[in-house]
PDB file of N, CA and C in Angstrom:
ATOM      1  N   UNK A   1     -55.282  25.018  76.084  1.00  0.00           N
ATOM      2  CA  UNK A   1     -54.289  26.016  76.474  1.00  0.00           C
ATOM      3  C   UNK A   1     -52.983  25.758  75.727  1.00  0.00           C
ATOM      4  N   UNK A   2     -52.440  26.790  75.164  1.00  0.00           N
ATOM      5  CA  UNK A   2     -51.153  26.703  74.494  1.00  0.00           C
ATOM      6  C   UNK A   2     -50.068  27.156  75.462  1.00  0.00           C
ATOM      7  N   UNK A   3     -49.028  26.360  75.584  1.00  0.00           N
ATOM      8  CA  UNK A   3     -47.917  26.658  76.480  1.00  0.00           C
ATOM      9  C   UNK A   3     -46.821  27.410  75.729  1.00  0.00           C
ATOM     10  N   UNK A   4     -46.102  28.257  76.446  1.00  0.00           N
ATOM     11  CA  UNK A   4     -44.898  28.865  75.895  1.00  0.00           C
ATOM     12  C   UNK A   4     -43.753  27.878  76.057  1.00  0.00           C
ATOM     13  N   UNK A   5     -42.897  27.783  75.055  1.00  0.00           N
ATOM     14  CA  UNK A   5     -41.776  26.845  75.112  1.00  0.00           C
ATOM     15  C   UNK A   5     -40.469  27.637  75.094  1.00  0.00           C
ATOM     16  N   UNK A   6     -39.610  27.348  76.070  1.00  0.00           N
ATOM     17  CA  UNK A   6     -38.347  28.050  76.241  1.00  0.00           C
ATOM     18  C   UNK A   6     -37.211  27.032  76.310  1.00  0.00           C
ATOM     19  N   UNK A   7     -35.976  27.514  76.084  1.00  0.00           N
ATOM     20  CA  UNK A   7     -34.805  26.640  76.120  1.00  0.00           C
ATOM     21  C   UNK A   7     -33.775  27.192  77.093  1.00  0.00           C
ATOM     22  N   UNK A   8     -33.051  26.280  77.748  1.00  0.00           N
ATOM     23  CA  UNK A   8     -31.955  26.705  78.621  1.00  0.00           C
ATOM     24  C   UNK A   8     -30.797  27.207  77.753  1.00  0.00           C
ATOM     25  N   UNK A   9     -29.925  27.989  78.356  1.00  0.00           N
ATOM     26  CA  UNK A   9     -28.725  28.460  77.644  1.00  0.00           C
ATOM     27  C   UNK A   9     -27.883  27.277  77.181  1.00  0.00           C
ATOM     28  N   UNK A  10     -27.810  26.242  77.994  1.00  0.00           N
ATOM     29  CA  UNK A  10     -27.048  25.050  77.633  1.00  0.00           C
ATOM     30  C   UNK A  10     -27.601  24.428  76.351  1.00  0.00           C
ATOM     31  N   UNK A  11     -28.906  24.308  76.264  1.00  0.00           N
ATOM     32  CA  UNK A  11     -29.513  23.720  75.073  1.00  0.00           C
ATOM     33  C   UNK A  11     -29.302  24.618  73.860  1.00  0.00           C
ATOM     34  N   UNK A  12     -29.385  25.905  74.037  1.00  0.00           N
ATOM     35  CA  UNK A  12     -29.146  26.836  72.922  1.00  0.00           C
ATOM     36  C   UNK A  12     -27.729  26.661  72.380  1.00  0.00           C
ATOM     37  N   UNK A  13     -26.757  26.511  73.267  1.00  0.00           N
ATOM     38  CA  UNK A  13     -25.368  26.276  72.834  1.00  0.00           C
ATOM     39  C   UNK A  13     -25.235  24.928  72.136  1.00  0.00           C
ATOM     40  N   UNK A  14     -25.900  23.909  72.664  1.00  0.00           N
ATOM     41  CA  UNK A  14     -25.846  22.572  72.068  1.00  0.00           C
ATOM     42  C   UNK A  14     -26.428  22.554  70.658  1.00  0.00           C
ATOM     43  N   UNK A  15     -27.465  23.346  70.436  1.00  0.00           N
ATOM     44  CA  UNK A  15     -28.124  23.397  69.121  1.00  0.00           C
ATOM     45  C   UNK A  15     -27.144  23.723  68.016  1.00  0.00           C
ATOM     46  N   UNK A  16     -26.150  24.544  68.317  1.00  0.00           N
ATOM     47  CA  UNK A  16     -25.161  24.948  67.312  1.00  0.00           C
ATOM     48  C   UNK A  16     -24.338  23.765  66.824  1.00  0.00           C
ATOM     49  N   UNK A  17     -24.275  22.716  67.624  1.00  0.00           N
ATOM     50  CA  UNK A  17     -23.489  21.532  67.280  1.00  0.00           C
ATOM     51  C   UNK A  17     -24.357  20.384  66.768  1.00  0.00           C
ATOM     52  N   UNK A  18     -25.666  20.567  66.831  1.00  0.00           N
ATOM     53  CA  UNK A  18     -26.586  19.502  66.424  1.00  0.00           C
ATOM     54  C   UNK A  18     -26.680  19.421  64.902  1.00  0.00           C
ATOM     55  N   UNK A  19     -27.055  18.236  64.431  1.00  0.00           N
ATOM     56  CA  UNK A  19     -27.260  18.040  63.002  1.00  0.00           C
ATOM     57  C   UNK A  19     -28.604  18.634  62.598  1.00  0.00           C
ATOM     58  N   UNK A  20     -28.715  18.959  61.322  1.00  0.00           N
ATOM     59  CA  UNK A  20     -29.912  19.626  60.811  1.00  0.00           C
ATOM     60  C   UNK A  20     -31.193  18.834  61.109  1.00  0.00           C
ATOM     61  N   UNK A  21     -31.145  17.519  60.901  1.00  0.00           N
ATOM     62  CA  UNK A  21     -32.353  16.716  61.125  1.00  0.00           C
ATOM     63  C   UNK A  21     -32.737  16.660  62.608  1.00  0.00           C
ATOM     64  N   UNK A  22     -31.770  16.787  63.500  1.00  0.00           N
ATOM     65  CA  UNK A  22     -32.070  16.836  64.935  1.00  0.00           C
ATOM     66  C   UNK A  22     -32.758  18.159  65.288  1.00  0.00           C
ATOM     67  N   UNK A  23     -32.275  19.231  64.711  1.00  0.00           N
ATOM     68  CA  UNK A  23     -32.886  20.545  64.953  1.00  0.00           C
ATOM     69  C   UNK A  23     -34.313  20.574  64.408  1.00  0.00           C
ATOM     70  N   UNK A  24     -34.512  20.014  63.229  1.00  0.00           N
ATOM     71  CA  UNK A  24     -35.854  19.952  62.640  1.00  0.00           C
ATOM     72  C   UNK A  24     -36.791  19.139  63.524  1.00  0.00           C
ATOM     73  N   UNK A  25     -36.299  18.012  64.047  1.00  0.00           N
ATOM     74  CA  UNK A  25     -37.109  17.190  64.949  1.00  0.00           C
ATOM     75  C   UNK A  25     -37.469  17.979  66.208  1.00  0.00           C
ATOM     76  N   UNK A  26     -36.490  18.699  66.762  1.00  0.00           N
ATOM     77  CA  UNK A  26     -36.743  19.460  67.975  1.00  0.00           C
ATOM     78  C   UNK A  26     -37.796  20.546  67.728  1.00  0.00           C
ATOM     79  N   UNK A  27     -37.755  21.183  66.585  1.00  0.00           N
ATOM     80  CA  UNK A  27     -38.759  22.191  66.253  1.00  0.00           C
ATOM     81  C   UNK A  27     -40.147  21.561  66.161  1.00  0.00           C
ATOM     82  N   UNK A  28     -40.216  20.364  65.602  1.00  0.00           N
ATOM     83  CA  UNK A  28     -41.488  19.639  65.513  1.00  0.00           C
ATOM     84  C   UNK A  28     -42.009  19.324  66.919  1.00  0.00           C
ATOM     85  N   UNK A  29     -41.120  18.863  67.790  1.00  0.00           N
ATOM     86  CA  UNK A  29     -41.502  18.544  69.173  1.00  0.00           C
ATOM     87  C   UNK A  29     -41.991  19.796  69.887  1.00  0.00           C
ATOM     88  N   UNK A  30     -41.323  20.921  69.672  1.00  0.00           N
ATOM     89  CA  UNK A  30     -41.740  22.172  70.308  1.00  0.00           C
ATOM     90  C   UNK A  30     -43.181  22.521  69.931  1.00  0.00           C
ATOM     91  N   UNK A  31     -43.511  22.370  68.647  1.00  0.00           N
ATOM     92  CA  UNK A  31     -44.885  22.645  68.208  1.00  0.00           C
ATOM     93  C   UNK A  31     -45.864  21.677  68.862  1.00  0.00           C
ATOM     94  N   UNK A  32     -45.478  20.415  68.951  1.00  0.00           N
ATOM     95  CA  UNK A  32     -46.341  19.370  69.526  1.00  0.00           C
ATOM     96  C   UNK A  32     -46.604  19.605  71.011  1.00  0.00           C
ATOM     97  N   UNK A  33     -45.551  19.888  71.777  1.00  0.00           N
ATOM     98  CA  UNK A  33     -45.739  20.007  73.226  1.00  0.00           C
ATOM     99  C   UNK A  33     -46.362  21.338  73.632  1.00  0.00           C
ATOM    100  N   UNK A  34     -46.361  22.310  72.735  1.00  0.00           N
ATOM    101  CA  UNK A  34     -47.076  23.569  73.015  1.00  0.00           C
ATOM    102  C   UNK A  34     -48.551  23.277  73.272  1.00  0.00           C
ATOM    103  N   UNK A  35     -49.094  22.342  72.493  1.00  0.00           N
ATOM    104  CA  UNK A  35     -50.505  21.985  72.592  1.00  0.00           C
ATOM    105  C   UNK A  35     -50.757  20.894  73.630  1.00  0.00           C
ATOM    106  N   UNK A  36     -49.823  19.956  73.733  1.00  0.00           N
ATOM    107  CA  UNK A  36     -49.991  18.842  74.669  1.00  0.00           C
ATOM    108  C   UNK A  36     -48.638  18.490  75.300  1.00  0.00           C
ATOM    109  N   UNK A  37     -48.251  19.173  76.365  1.00  0.00           N
ATOM    110  CA  UNK A  37     -46.935  18.954  76.964  1.00  0.00           C
ATOM    111  C   UNK A  37     -46.746  17.579  77.596  1.00  0.00           C
ATOM    112  N   UNK A  38     -47.829  16.871  77.851  1.00  0.00           N
ATOM    113  CA  UNK A  38     -47.719  15.590  78.547  1.00  0.00           C
ATOM    114  C   UNK A  38     -47.563  14.403  77.598  1.00  0.00           C
ATOM    115  N   UNK A  39     -47.160  14.645  76.343  1.00  0.00           N
ATOM    116  CA  UNK A  39     -46.994  13.553  75.388  1.00  0.00           C
ATOM    117  C   UNK A  39     -45.725  12.746  75.633  1.00  0.00           C
ATOM    118  N   UNK A  40     -44.715  13.357  76.211  1.00  0.00           N
ATOM    119  CA  UNK A  40     -43.458  12.650  76.453  1.00  0.00           C
ATOM    120  C   UNK A  40     -43.567  11.642  77.586  1.00  0.00           C
ATOM    121  N   UNK A  41     -42.520  10.857  77.722  1.00  0.00           N
ATOM    122  CA  UNK A  41     -42.462   9.857  78.794  1.00  0.00           C
ATOM    123  C   UNK A  41     -42.124  10.545  80.118  1.00  0.00           C
ATOM    124  N   UNK A  42     -42.947  10.317  81.165  1.00  0.00           N
ATOM    125  CA  UNK A  42     -42.639  10.931  82.465  1.00  0.00           C
ATOM    126  C   UNK A  42     -41.398  10.310  83.103  1.00  0.00           C
ATOM    127  N   UNK A  43     -40.622  11.145  83.780  1.00  0.00           N
ATOM    128  CA  UNK A  43     -39.413  10.701  84.476  1.00  0.00           C
ATOM    129  C   UNK A  43     -39.573  10.997  85.970  1.00  0.00           C
ATOM    130  N   UNK A  44     -40.022  10.026  86.705  1.00  0.00           N
ATOM    131  CA  UNK A  44     -40.190  10.069  88.165  1.00  0.00           C
ATOM    132  C   UNK A  44     -41.369  10.920  88.636  1.00  0.00           C
ATOM    133  N   UNK A  45     -41.642  12.027  87.974  1.00  0.00           N
ATOM    134  CA  UNK A  45     -42.743  12.926  88.345  1.00  0.00           C
ATOM    135  C   UNK A  45     -43.456  13.383  87.069  1.00  0.00           C
ATOM    136  N   UNK A  46     -44.735  13.752  87.148  1.00  0.00           N
ATOM    137  CA  UNK A  46     -45.487  14.111  85.942  1.00  0.00           C
ATOM    138  C   UNK A  46     -44.971  15.351  85.210  1.00  0.00           C
ATOM    139  N   UNK A  47     -44.294  16.265  85.888  1.00  0.00           N
ATOM    140  CA  UNK A  47     -43.849  17.519  85.278  1.00  0.00           C
ATOM    141  C   UNK A  47     -42.460  17.448  84.652  1.00  0.00           C
ATOM    142  N   UNK A  48     -41.821  16.291  84.699  1.00  0.00           N
ATOM    143  CA  UNK A  48     -40.479  16.100  84.136  1.00  0.00           C
ATOM    144  C   UNK A  48     -40.583  14.988  83.091  1.00  0.00           C
ATOM    145  N   UNK A  49     -40.276  15.307  81.822  1.00  0.00           N
ATOM    146  CA  UNK A  49     -40.507  14.360  80.734  1.00  0.00           C
ATOM    147  C   UNK A  49     -39.352  14.309  79.757  1.00  0.00           C
ATOM    148  N   UNK A  50     -39.411  13.279  78.913  1.00  0.00           N
ATOM    149  CA  UNK A  50     -38.432  13.145  77.838  1.00  0.00           C
ATOM    150  C   UNK A  50     -39.123  12.692  76.568  1.00  0.00           C
ATOM    151  N   UNK A  51     -38.530  13.069  75.443  1.00  0.00           N
ATOM    152  CA  UNK A  51     -38.946  12.583  74.129  1.00  0.00           C
ATOM    153  C   UNK A  51     -37.691  11.989  73.494  1.00  0.00           C
ATOM    154  N   UNK A  52     -37.821  10.818  72.868  1.00  0.00           N
ATOM    155  CA  UNK A  52     -36.675  10.122  72.275  1.00  0.00           C
ATOM    156  C   UNK A  52     -36.585  10.368  70.779  1.00  0.00           C
ATOM    157  N   UNK A  53     -35.336  10.422  70.302  1.00  0.00           N
ATOM    158  CA  UNK A  53     -35.061  10.573  68.879  1.00  0.00           C
ATOM    159  C   UNK A  53     -33.696   9.974  68.572  1.00  0.00           C
ATOM    160  N   UNK A  54     -33.682   8.917  67.779  1.00  0.00           N
ATOM    161  CA  UNK A  54     -32.430   8.289  67.321  1.00  0.00           C
ATOM    162  C   UNK A  54     -31.419   8.047  68.442  1.00  0.00           C
ATOM    163  N   UNK A  55     -31.854   7.463  69.521  1.00  0.00           N
ATOM    164  CA  UNK A  55     -30.944   7.132  70.612  1.00  0.00           C
ATOM    165  C   UNK A  55     -30.624   8.289  71.542  1.00  0.00           C
ATOM    166  N   UNK A  56     -31.172   9.457  71.259  1.00  0.00           N
ATOM    167  CA  UNK A  56     -30.976  10.618  72.133  1.00  0.00           C
ATOM    168  C   UNK A  56     -32.304  10.983  72.759  1.00  0.00           C
ATOM    169  N   UNK A  57     -32.223  11.833  73.777  1.00  0.00           N
ATOM    170  CA  UNK A  57     -33.424  12.232  74.495  1.00  0.00           C
ATOM    171  C   UNK A  57     -33.440  13.737  74.707  1.00  0.00           C
ATOM    172  N   UNK A  58     -34.639  14.302  74.565  1.00  0.00           N
ATOM    173  CA  UNK A  58     -34.870  15.703  74.859  1.00  0.00           C
ATOM    174  C   UNK A  58     -35.589  15.755  76.202  1.00  0.00           C
ATOM    175  N   UNK A  59     -34.968  16.393  77.182  1.00  0.00           N
ATOM    176  CA  UNK A  59     -35.521  16.478  78.528  1.00  0.00           C
ATOM    177  C   UNK A  59     -36.193  17.832  78.708  1.00  0.00           C
ATOM    178  N   UNK A  60     -37.395  17.812  79.285  1.00  0.00           N
ATOM    179  CA  UNK A  60     -38.099  19.073  79.493  1.00  0.00           C
ATOM    180  C   UNK A  60     -38.944  19.060  80.760  1.00  0.00           C
ATOM    181  N   UNK A  61     -39.202  20.272  81.252  1.00  0.00           N
ATOM    182  CA  UNK A  61     -39.981  20.489  82.470  1.00  0.00           C
ATOM    183  C   UNK A  61     -41.253  21.233  82.112  1.00  0.00           C
ATOM    184  N   UNK A  62     -42.351  20.852  82.738  1.00  0.00           N
ATOM    185  CA  UNK A  62     -43.650  21.477  82.490  1.00  0.00           C
ATOM    186  C   UNK A  62     -44.039  22.293  83.722  1.00  0.00           C
ATOM    187  N   UNK A  63     -44.337  23.555  83.493  1.00  0.00           N
ATOM    188  CA  UNK A  63     -44.817  24.438  84.552  1.00  0.00           C
ATOM    189  C   UNK A  63     -46.263  24.773  84.222  1.00  0.00           C
ATOM    190  N   UNK A  64     -47.148  23.889  84.622  1.00  0.00           N
ATOM    191  CA  UNK A  64     -48.569  24.025  84.310  1.00  0.00           C
ATOM    192  C   UNK A  64     -49.141  25.334  84.861  1.00  0.00           C
ATOM    193  N   UNK A  65     -48.745  25.687  86.081  1.00  0.00           N
ATOM    194  CA  UNK A  65     -49.248  26.909  86.719  1.00  0.00           C
ATOM    195  C   UNK A  65     -48.802  28.176  85.997  1.00  0.00           C
ATOM    196  N   UNK A  66     -47.672  28.110  85.288  1.00  0.00           N
ATOM    197  CA  UNK A  66     -47.150  29.260  84.550  1.00  0.00           C
ATOM    198  C   UNK A  66     -47.504  29.206  83.062  1.00  0.00           C
ATOM    199  N   UNK A  67     -47.979  28.046  82.616  1.00  0.00           N
ATOM    200  CA  UNK A  67     -48.262  27.867  81.190  1.00  0.00           C
ATOM    201  C   UNK A  67     -46.998  27.847  80.355  1.00  0.00           C
ATOM    202  N   UNK A  68     -45.913  27.284  80.932  1.00  0.00           N
ATOM    203  CA  UNK A  68     -44.614  27.289  80.263  1.00  0.00           C
ATOM    204  C   UNK A  68     -43.964  25.910  80.294  1.00  0.00           C
ATOM    205  N   UNK A  69     -43.120  25.686  79.297  1.00  0.00           N
ATOM    206  CA  UNK A  69     -42.330  24.460  79.205  1.00  0.00           C
ATOM    207  C   UNK A  69     -40.879  24.882  79.014  1.00  0.00           C
ATOM    208  N   UNK A  70     -39.977  24.227  79.737  1.00  0.00           N
ATOM    209  CA  UNK A  70     -38.555  24.514  79.607  1.00  0.00           C
ATOM    210  C   UNK A  70     -37.851  23.291  79.035  1.00  0.00           C
ATOM    211  N   UNK A  71     -37.285  23.459  77.835  1.00  0.00           N
ATOM    212  CA  UNK A  71     -36.458  22.411  77.246  1.00  0.00           C
ATOM    213  C   UNK A  71     -35.084  22.549  77.873  1.00  0.00           C
ATOM    214  N   UNK A  72     -34.641  21.480  78.530  1.00  0.00           N
ATOM    215  CA  UNK A  72     -33.418  21.579  79.325  1.00  0.00           C
ATOM    216  C   UNK A  72     -32.200  21.042  78.603  1.00  0.00           C
ATOM    217  N   UNK A  73     -32.321  19.854  78.021  1.00  0.00           N
ATOM    218  CA  UNK A  73     -31.117  19.201  77.474  1.00  0.00           C
ATOM    219  C   UNK A  73     -31.481  18.190  76.411  1.00  0.00           C
ATOM    220  N   UNK A  74     -30.569  17.940  75.472  1.00  0.00           N
ATOM    221  CA  UNK A  74     -30.705  16.924  74.441  1.00  0.00           C
ATOM    222  C   UNK A  74     -29.413  16.130  74.467  1.00  0.00           C
ATOM    223  N   UNK A  75     -29.498  14.847  74.817  1.00  0.00           N
ATOM    224  CA  UNK A  75     -28.283  14.049  74.987  1.00  0.00           C
ATOM    225  C   UNK A  75     -28.579  12.564  74.817  1.00  0.00           C
ATOM    226  N   UNK A  76     -27.510  11.788  74.754  1.00  0.00           N
ATOM    227  CA  UNK A  76     -27.615  10.342  74.598  1.00  0.00           C
ATOM    228  C   UNK A  76     -27.961   9.622  75.883  1.00  0.00           C
ATOM    229  N   UNK A  77     -28.220   8.337  75.741  1.00  0.00           N
ATOM    230  CA  UNK A  77     -28.618   7.475  76.855  1.00  0.00           C
ATOM    231  C   UNK A  77     -27.548   7.434  77.961  1.00  0.00           C
ATOM    232  N   UNK A  78     -26.280   7.481  77.573  1.00  0.00           N
ATOM    233  CA  UNK A  78     -25.196   7.383  78.554  1.00  0.00           C
ATOM    234  C   UNK A  78     -25.272   8.473  79.616  1.00  0.00           C
ATOM    235  N   UNK A  79     -25.715   9.646  79.212  1.00  0.00           N
ATOM    236  CA  UNK A  79     -25.759  10.791  80.123  1.00  0.00           C
ATOM    237  C   UNK A  79     -27.086  10.908  80.865  1.00  0.00           C
ATOM    238  N   UNK A  80     -28.004   9.985  80.604  1.00  0.00           N
ATOM    239  CA  UNK A  80     -29.368  10.103  81.114  1.00  0.00           C
ATOM    240  C   UNK A  80     -29.431  10.298  82.626  1.00  0.00           C
ATOM    241  N   UNK A  81     -28.830   9.427  83.396  1.00  0.00           N
ATOM    242  CA  UNK A  81     -28.947   9.513  84.857  1.00  0.00           C
ATOM    243  C   UNK A  81     -28.311  10.779  85.401  1.00  0.00           C
ATOM    244  N   UNK A  82     -27.183  11.159  84.849  1.00  0.00           N
ATOM    245  CA  UNK A  82     -26.507  12.391  85.278  1.00  0.00           C
ATOM    246  C   UNK A  82     -27.404  13.613  85.030  1.00  0.00           C
ATOM    247  N   UNK A  83     -28.048  13.649  83.872  1.00  0.00           N
ATOM    248  CA  UNK A  83     -28.932  14.771  83.533  1.00  0.00           C
ATOM    249  C   UNK A  83     -30.166  14.779  84.426  1.00  0.00           C
ATOM    250  N   UNK A  84     -30.765  13.615  84.629  1.00  0.00           N
ATOM    251  CA  UNK A  84     -31.944  13.518  85.499  1.00  0.00           C
ATOM    252  C   UNK A  84     -31.604  14.019  86.900  1.00  0.00           C
ATOM    253  N   UNK A  85     -30.495  13.557  87.431  1.00  0.00           N
ATOM    254  CA  UNK A  85     -30.080  13.993  88.779  1.00  0.00           C
ATOM    255  C   UNK A  85     -29.858  15.495  88.836  1.00  0.00           C
ATOM    256  N   UNK A  86     -29.201  16.047  87.814  1.00  0.00           N
ATOM    257  CA  UNK A  86     -28.936  17.479  87.767  1.00  0.00           C
ATOM    258  C   UNK A  86     -30.243  18.278  87.740  1.00  0.00           C
ATOM    259  N   UNK A  87     -31.165  17.866  86.904  1.00  0.00           N
ATOM    260  CA  UNK A  87     -32.434  18.582  86.773  1.00  0.00           C
ATOM    261  C   UNK A  87     -33.222  18.524  88.074  1.00  0.00           C
ATOM    262  N   UNK A  88     -33.317  17.355  88.673  1.00  0.00           N
ATOM    263  CA  UNK A  88     -34.060  17.233  89.934  1.00  0.00           C
ATOM    264  C   UNK A  88     -33.406  18.051  91.048  1.00  0.00           C
ATOM    265  N   UNK A  89     -32.089  18.068  91.075  1.00  0.00           N
ATOM    266  CA  UNK A  89     -31.366  18.824  92.103  1.00  0.00           C
ATOM    267  C   UNK A  89     -31.585  20.332  91.931  1.00  0.00           C
ATOM    268  N   UNK A  90     -31.730  20.792  90.689  1.00  0.00           N
ATOM    269  CA  UNK A  90     -31.818  22.221  90.399  1.00  0.00           C
ATOM    270  C   UNK A  90     -33.215  22.679  89.985  1.00  0.00           C
ATOM    271  N   UNK A  91     -34.230  21.883  90.282  1.00  0.00           N
ATOM    272  CA  UNK A  91     -35.588  22.202  89.824  1.00  0.00           C
ATOM    273  C   UNK A  91     -36.078  23.553  90.332  1.00  0.00           C
ATOM    274  N   UNK A  92     -35.730  23.923  91.552  1.00  0.00           N
ATOM    275  CA  UNK A  92     -36.176  25.210  92.099  1.00  0.00           C
ATOM    276  C   UNK A  92     -35.543  26.385  91.346  1.00  0.00           C
ATOM    277  N   UNK A  93     -34.285  26.236  90.974  1.00  0.00           N
ATOM    278  CA  UNK A  93     -33.610  27.283  90.204  1.00  0.00           C
ATOM    279  C   UNK A  93     -34.248  27.455  88.831  1.00  0.00           C
ATOM    280  N   UNK A  94     -34.568  26.328  88.186  1.00  0.00           N
ATOM    281  CA  UNK A  94     -35.223  26.394  86.883  1.00  0.00           C
ATOM    282  C   UNK A  94     -36.574  27.092  87.015  1.00  0.00           C
ATOM    283  N   UNK A  95     -37.313  26.767  88.076  1.00  0.00           N
ATOM    284  CA  UNK A  95     -38.638  27.362  88.256  1.00  0.00           C
ATOM    285  C   UNK A  95     -38.538  28.876  88.519  1.00  0.00           C
ATOM    286  N   UNK A  96     -37.530  29.288  89.281  1.00  0.00           N
ATOM    287  CA  UNK A  96     -37.343  30.722  89.522  1.00  0.00           C
ATOM    288  C   UNK A  96     -37.100  31.462  88.209  1.00  0.00           C
ATOM    289  N   UNK A  97     -36.260  30.879  87.374  1.00  0.00           N
ATOM    290  CA  UNK A  97     -35.965  31.497  86.076  1.00  0.00           C
ATOM    291  C   UNK A  97     -37.216  31.576  85.204  1.00  0.00           C
ATOM    292  N   UNK A  98     -38.012  30.525  85.209  1.00  0.00           N
ATOM    293  CA  UNK A  98     -39.223  30.519  84.389  1.00  0.00           C
ATOM    294  C   UNK A  98     -40.236  31.542  84.892  1.00  0.00           C
ATOM    295  N   UNK A  99     -40.295  31.749  86.183  1.00  0.00           N
ATOM    296  CA  UNK A  99     -41.228  32.717  86.744  1.00  0.00           C
ATOM    297  C   UNK A  99     -40.866  34.148  86.338  1.00  0.00           C
ATOM    298  N   UNK A 100     -39.576  34.384  86.064  1.00  0.00           N
ATOM    299  CA  UNK A 100     -39.125  35.716  85.657  1.00  0.00           C
ATOM    300  C   UNK A 100     -39.492  36.049  84.203  1.00  0.00           C
ATOM    301  N   UNK A 101     -39.681  35.017  83.403  1.00  0.00           N
ATOM    302  CA  UNK A 101     -39.961  35.223  81.963  1.00  0.00           C
ATOM    303  C   UNK A 101     -41.410  35.604  81.761  1.00  0.00           C
TER     304      UNK A 101
END
């Protein structure tokens, strides 16, 4: 099964500030997780994962029942716990948005 891959508005805005090689890496990851979304490291639960690149992390959510993946954020290690807490706190909102797509 091939998953659809989507990005949050926050990540879309962040992309404009990212370096070219980071954007290229993210595009590669998008192709990879379309086929196998569970390749990243799980964060507390199987549907919440991260992929690492040069000291930064790409955080994403897997909606197996919808066949969709949501790329949420790309940030450094310092922001990791804050981002994890935010995503877990707002998981229902993210899922509602994904169900609309």
